[in-house]
Amino acid sequence: MLDREPDLVVVAQAGSLAEAREALEDAHFLVDVAVLDLGLPDGSGEELIPLLRHANPDAAVLVLTYFSEQERIARAVAAGASGILHKSTPVMEVVEAARRLHAGEQLLTFAEVVEALQIIDRERRRERDERLPFEELTERELEVLQALADGLSDREISERLYISAATVRTHVTNILAKLNAASRLQALVLAVRHDIVTID
């Protein structure tokens, strides 16, 4: 639809983060307005916004999304999106939005940008607060947590770390208490979310 407009030219298309990154690696890639989907098959489109702005500092980014989560939209705005439209928006309104962005208009109000930054700030504070309990874990407890992430049983952990199975259970009990987790699974979910352990 964009290409059908006499004053618009589609210079590139990508159906995934990988394809978009490949296009951005082209030194001759120039774009005035990028129309970006947040829901891509290999990740979130918001990851592309800083890359787009780095490759084309003057480019405007128009995000199309089905998502209604404030945090996700806020991250896109904080990353440099110039406008946000729902995918149910009529096509010609999307085309007109691209024209307006190219003309230098801002589709987002100052209040919307401030609200997005406040949401991001709250999200970062929450993430920091969630990470704090992990700082209380000892080196041995972190080793036990990683062993749990590796799928080892108490006996296998005891063999790996040269400690008794009873000591393993004591460490697990301490881990759950410090993380305020109800189960080993919940502790692992928290640890993975904050990159404390790795899962192969």
Protein backbone atom coordinates (compact mmCIF):
# COMPACT_ATOMS: atom_id res chain seq x y z
CA MET A 1 0.00 0.00 0.00
CA LEU A 2 2.84 2.38 0.75
CA ASP A 3 4.50 1.62 -2.57
CA ARG A 4 1.32 2.48 -4.44
CA GLU A 5 1.53 6.09 -3.26
CA PRO A 6 3.24 8.34 -5.86
CA ASP A 7 5.22 10.26 -3.22
CA LEU A 8 6.42 7.21 -1.27
CA VAL A 9 9.06 4.59 -2.10
CA VAL A 10 9.58 1.37 -0.16
CA VAL A 11 13.36 0.95 0.02
CA ALA A 12 13.39 -2.31 1.98
CA GLN A 13 11.19 -4.89 3.64
CA ALA A 14 11.94 -7.42 6.35
CA GLY A 15 9.83 -10.09 7.99
CA SER A 16 12.08 -10.72 10.99
CA LEU A 17 14.68 -9.12 13.23
CA ALA A 18 17.41 -11.06 11.41
CA GLU A 19 16.35 -9.77 7.99
CA ALA A 20 16.08 -6.21 9.29
CA ARG A 21 19.52 -6.36 10.91
CA GLU A 22 20.97 -7.61 7.63
CA ALA A 23 19.42 -4.68 5.76
CA LEU A 24 20.78 -2.23 8.31
CA GLU A 25 24.31 -3.55 7.81
CA ASP A 26 24.22 -2.13 4.28
CA ALA A 27 26.14 1.15 4.44
CA HIS A 28 23.98 2.55 1.63
CA PHE A 29 20.72 1.82 3.44
CA LEU A 30 18.85 5.08 3.85
CA VAL A 31 15.35 5.43 5.19
CA ASP A 32 13.24 8.43 6.17
CA VAL A 33 10.41 6.57 7.90
CA ALA A 34 10.44 2.98 9.19
CA VAL A 35 7.13 1.22 9.78
CA LEU A 36 7.85 -1.35 12.44
CA ASP A 37 5.89 -4.27 13.90
CA LEU A 38 6.61 -5.07 17.55
CA GLY A 39 5.56 -8.71 17.17
CA LEU A 40 8.18 -10.35 14.96
CA PRO A 41 8.76 -14.11 14.74
CA ASP A 42 12.25 -13.95 16.23
CA GLY A 43 11.80 -11.24 18.85
CA SER A 44 10.39 -7.82 19.58
CA GLY A 45 10.61 -5.09 16.99
CA GLU A 46 11.54 -2.58 19.68
CA GLU A 47 15.07 -4.05 19.55
CA LEU A 48 15.41 -2.59 16.06
CA ILE A 49 14.60 1.00 16.97
CA PRO A 50 18.06 1.94 18.35
CA LEU A 51 19.70 0.18 15.38
CA LEU A 52 17.50 2.06 12.91
CA ARG A 53 18.18 5.38 14.60
CA HIS A 54 21.92 4.67 14.67
CA ALA A 55 22.00 3.79 10.95
CA ASN A 56 19.72 6.70 10.04
CA PRO A 57 19.78 9.34 12.81
CA ASP A 58 17.10 11.47 11.14
CA ALA A 59 14.73 8.56 10.53
CA ALA A 60 11.31 8.46 12.16
CA VAL A 61 9.95 5.16 13.47
CA LEU A 62 6.25 4.40 13.24
CA VAL A 63 5.27 1.41 15.34
CA LEU A 64 2.29 -0.77 14.48
CA THR A 65 1.16 -3.17 17.17
CA TYR A 66 -1.64 -5.39 18.40
CA PHE A 67 -0.21 -5.15 21.90
CA SER A 68 -1.92 -3.05 24.55
CA GLU A 69 0.61 -3.52 27.36
CA GLN A 70 1.73 -0.08 28.47
CA GLU A 71 5.21 -1.32 29.37
CA ARG A 72 5.90 -2.70 25.90
CA ILE A 73 4.66 0.41 24.14
CA ALA A 74 6.57 2.58 26.61
CA ARG A 75 9.80 0.71 25.83
CA ALA A 76 9.28 1.44 22.13
CA VAL A 77 8.73 5.14 22.83
CA ALA A 78 11.75 5.28 25.14
CA ALA A 79 13.84 3.59 22.43
CA GLY A 80 12.92 6.37 20.00
CA ALA A 81 9.61 5.53 18.32
CA SER A 82 7.99 8.65 16.84
CA GLY A 83 4.48 7.27 16.69
CA ILE A 84 2.38 4.30 17.81
CA LEU A 85 -0.63 2.98 15.89
CA HIS A 86 -2.80 -0.07 16.51
CA LYS A 87 -2.83 -2.58 13.68
CA SER A 88 -6.57 -2.06 13.32
CA THR A 89 -5.84 1.50 12.09
CA PRO A 90 -7.06 1.93 8.47
CA VAL A 91 -4.24 1.62 5.96
CA MET A 92 -4.62 5.12 4.60
CA GLU A 93 -4.23 6.53 8.13
CA VAL A 94 -0.95 4.62 8.40
CA VAL A 95 0.15 6.10 5.06
CA GLU A 96 -0.80 9.58 6.23
CA ALA A 97 1.06 9.05 9.51
CA ALA A 98 4.19 8.14 7.56
CA ARG A 99 3.83 11.35 5.53
CA ARG A 100 3.38 13.44 8.66
CA LEU A 101 6.47 11.92 10.28
CA HIS A 102 8.49 12.56 7.14
CA ALA A 103 7.32 16.17 7.24
CA GLY A 104 8.75 16.48 10.74
CA GLU A 105 5.53 16.25 12.73
CA GLN A 106 5.41 14.46 16.07
CA LEU A 107 2.60 11.95 16.44
CA LEU A 108 3.32 11.54 20.14
CA THR A 109 2.51 14.37 22.49
CA PHE A 110 4.98 15.56 25.11
CA ALA A 111 2.68 14.15 27.80
CA GLU A 112 2.69 10.71 26.14
CA VAL A 113 6.48 10.68 25.98
CA VAL A 114 6.76 11.72 29.64
CA GLU A 115 4.26 9.02 30.64
CA ALA A 116 6.27 6.40 28.71
CA LEU A 117 9.49 7.44 30.42
CA GLN A 118 7.77 7.27 33.83
CA ILE A 119 6.55 3.74 33.05
CA ILE A 120 10.08 2.71 32.04
CA ASP A 121 11.48 4.25 35.24
CA ARG A 122 8.98 2.30 37.36
CA GLU A 123 9.78 -0.89 35.45
CA ARG A 124 13.52 -0.43 36.02
CA ARG A 125 12.98 0.26 39.72
CA ARG A 126 10.87 -2.90 40.00
CA GLU A 127 13.51 -4.96 38.21
CA ARG A 128 16.21 -3.54 40.50
CA ASP A 129 14.13 -4.38 43.56
CA GLU A 130 13.59 -7.92 42.26
CA ARG A 131 17.35 -8.36 41.77
CA LEU A 132 18.28 -7.24 45.28
CA PRO A 133 17.55 -10.62 46.96
CA PHE A 134 20.02 -12.33 44.62
CA GLU A 135 22.80 -10.19 46.09
CA GLU A 136 22.18 -11.96 49.42
CA LEU A 137 22.97 -15.38 47.95
CA THR A 138 26.37 -16.81 48.80
CA GLU A 139 28.71 -18.11 46.11
CA ARG A 140 27.81 -21.68 47.08
CA GLU A 141 24.08 -20.93 46.90
CA LEU A 142 24.57 -19.49 43.41
CA GLU A 143 26.37 -22.69 42.42
CA VAL A 144 23.46 -24.76 43.73
CA LEU A 145 20.99 -22.55 41.89
CA GLN A 146 22.92 -23.01 38.64
CA ALA A 147 23.03 -26.77 39.23
CA LEU A 148 19.24 -26.75 39.65
CA ALA A 149 19.00 -24.85 36.37
CA ASP A 150 21.13 -27.59 34.80
CA GLY A 151 18.43 -30.07 35.84
CA LEU A 152 20.51 -31.91 38.44
CA SER A 153 19.00 -33.83 41.34
CA ASP A 154 20.10 -33.27 44.94
CA ARG A 155 22.37 -36.31 44.68
CA GLU A 156 23.91 -35.09 41.42
CA ILE A 157 24.43 -31.62 42.88
CA SER A 158 26.14 -33.12 45.93
CA GLU A 159 28.49 -35.06 43.63
CA ARG A 160 29.24 -32.00 41.51
CA LEU A 161 29.93 -29.70 44.47
CA TYR A 162 31.43 -32.34 46.81
CA ILE A 163 28.88 -31.69 49.53
CA SER A 164 26.28 -33.94 51.15
CA ALA A 165 22.70 -34.19 49.88
CA ALA A 166 21.55 -32.80 53.24
CA THR A 167 23.74 -29.74 52.71
CA VAL A 168 22.27 -29.32 49.23
CA ARG A 169 18.76 -29.31 50.72
CA THR A 170 19.87 -26.76 53.32
CA HIS A 171 21.22 -24.49 50.58
CA VAL A 172 17.97 -24.87 48.61
CA THR A 173 15.94 -23.97 51.70
CA ASN A 174 18.09 -20.86 52.20
CA ILE A 175 17.76 -19.90 48.54
CA LEU A 176 13.96 -20.14 48.66
CA ALA A 177 13.84 -18.08 51.85
CA LYS A 178 16.11 -15.32 50.52
CA LEU A 179 14.23 -15.10 47.22
CA ASN A 180 10.84 -15.42 48.92
CA ALA A 181 10.09 -18.22 46.45
CA ALA A 182 7.50 -20.89 47.14
CA SER A 183 9.27 -23.59 45.12
CA ARG A 184 12.46 -24.46 43.29
CA LEU A 185 10.68 -23.76 40.00
CA GLN A 186 9.69 -20.27 41.06
CA ALA A 187 13.26 -19.58 42.20
CA LEU A 188 14.56 -20.72 38.82
CA VAL A 189 12.05 -18.57 36.92
CA LEU A 190 13.21 -15.53 38.89
CA ALA A 191 16.87 -16.42 38.38
CA VAL A 192 16.46 -16.87 34.61
CA ARG A 193 14.48 -13.63 34.31
CA HIS A 194 17.35 -11.71 35.88
CA ASP A 195 20.15 -13.61 34.10
CA ILE A 196 21.46 -15.07 37.34
CA VAL A 197 21.62 -18.57 35.83
CA THR A 198 21.84 -19.88 32.30
CA ILE A 199 19.82 -22.69 30.80
CA ASP A 200 21.31 -24.59 27.87
